[in-house]
Amino acid sequence: MSDPSPSLHLRQRLRRGRDRLATALITVGGIGVIAALLAIGVFLVVEVVPLFWSTPTDTGAEVSWQALWLPQSYEGYDVARHRWQPTVTSPEERAQYGMTPLVWGTLKAAAWALVIAVPLALGAAIHSAMFMSRRLRSRIKPTLELMEALPGVVIGFIAGLVLAPWVERHLAEALTLLLLLPPGLLLAGGLWTRLPAPLRRGLPLGWAGLWLVPWLLLLVAAALALAPWLEVGGFGGDLRGWLETRLGLEYASRNAMIVGLAMGFAVMPSVYALAEDALSGVPDSLGEGAQAMGATRWQTLWKVVLPAASPGVFSAVMIGAGRAVGETMIVLMASGNTALMTLSPFDGMRSMAASIAIELPEAAFGGTHYRLLLLAALALFVFTFLVNTLAEVVRVRLRRRYRRLGGAP
């Protein structure tokens, strides 16, 4: 009878060899990713540094930190101002390289997107993790997570060619809908608590995502019906004219509000998925212990579950912020790409990412315009790196703080 030990040893050596090969490939892949990121940063720095070697540029303009970020005096304007106009049409004109409007537009678009996405995403995550029935959650959560795969160019196309013209024609209806939905949802919750017990059992809180749909449709119908009356009674039949004459707000077809709605829709799935995983990862024993001591469900949520899940929730919001700052196609197609610095949600803006996408193919290689666009890319790179680093540092600290609760996500 043959001795099986040689073949056994051979299989063990082959298995160990495969494990070492897999470990080596994973290590090389990880190092390669880090090296690629460092290479991108080094490339941007190398291309941007020559921009400040000499002050005169190829267009006769002066490029310095003061010229880029502080208001400058331009011919034809009484006061110093920020302007981004890198291309000139005649030799007499001077290129204007103020990058502050681009930074302002980037932050403005991201801020409006987060204002819309974060409350909706966190509210959906809390309801999905804490109140929704398991059966409905198993169907709703994958659907919302699949929305993250929707390309930004498709969302930007719909926002620029469908949403923006509709809002421009029905501005009163859109604003009435935005103002009516939040109190309408709060009213639905208040009415549900006052229903008789048999009716509340027929409308369980875990299935609110379904039985609230008719209520939302009713709110939409009410907003569309009330808007013409409100516009006639409160704004003289012309809301856009009232905004312009009374408040000095001009309405642009593609503006920050449209960008916020579209980009908020794009950011919301990723924030929801990460926040929902963090909330679902909180051990059930924590909530059950709080309720056993007399806490209500809402007290358990705010005092126990949210603090324990705060590292993951904070990371979700930071990742959403990074996605909003770096978004290109939605801002490009829905913002109007006007380099303005205003607080009005009805004005357009121009972001750094959109400027890079539009202007880099036409910028002369090695010229001032080319290097300024790479400076904008470097600013986005550094900002994203700092945001992710801050998110990781805060997440680690919060996780250590709540580790004593046991099983913190």
Foldseek 3Di string as FASTA:
>chain_A
DDDCVVVVVVVVVVVVVVVVVVVVVVVVVVVVVVVVLVVLLVVLCVLQVVLPPDQQFPLRHGDDPCQAAPFDDDPPDPDTDADAAQDDDDSVDGGRHHCNLQALQLVLLLVLQCVQQVVVLLVVLCLLQQFADPVVSVVPLVVLLVLLVDDLLVLLVCLQPPVLVVCVVVVLLVVLLVVQVVVLVVVVVVVLVVDPPVVCVVVDSNCCVPVCVVSSVVSSVVSVVCRQVCCCVPPVRDPQVSCCPPVVDHFDSFFSNSSSVSLSSNLNSQLNNQLNVQLNQDDPVQLVVVVVVPDDSVCCVVPPRCLLSVLSNLLSSLVSSLCSSQDANNLLRRQPQDSDNDPDRRHGGHHLNPCCVPPCVPDDPSGSVNSSSSVSVSVSSVVNVVSNVVSVVVSVVSNVVCCVVPRRD
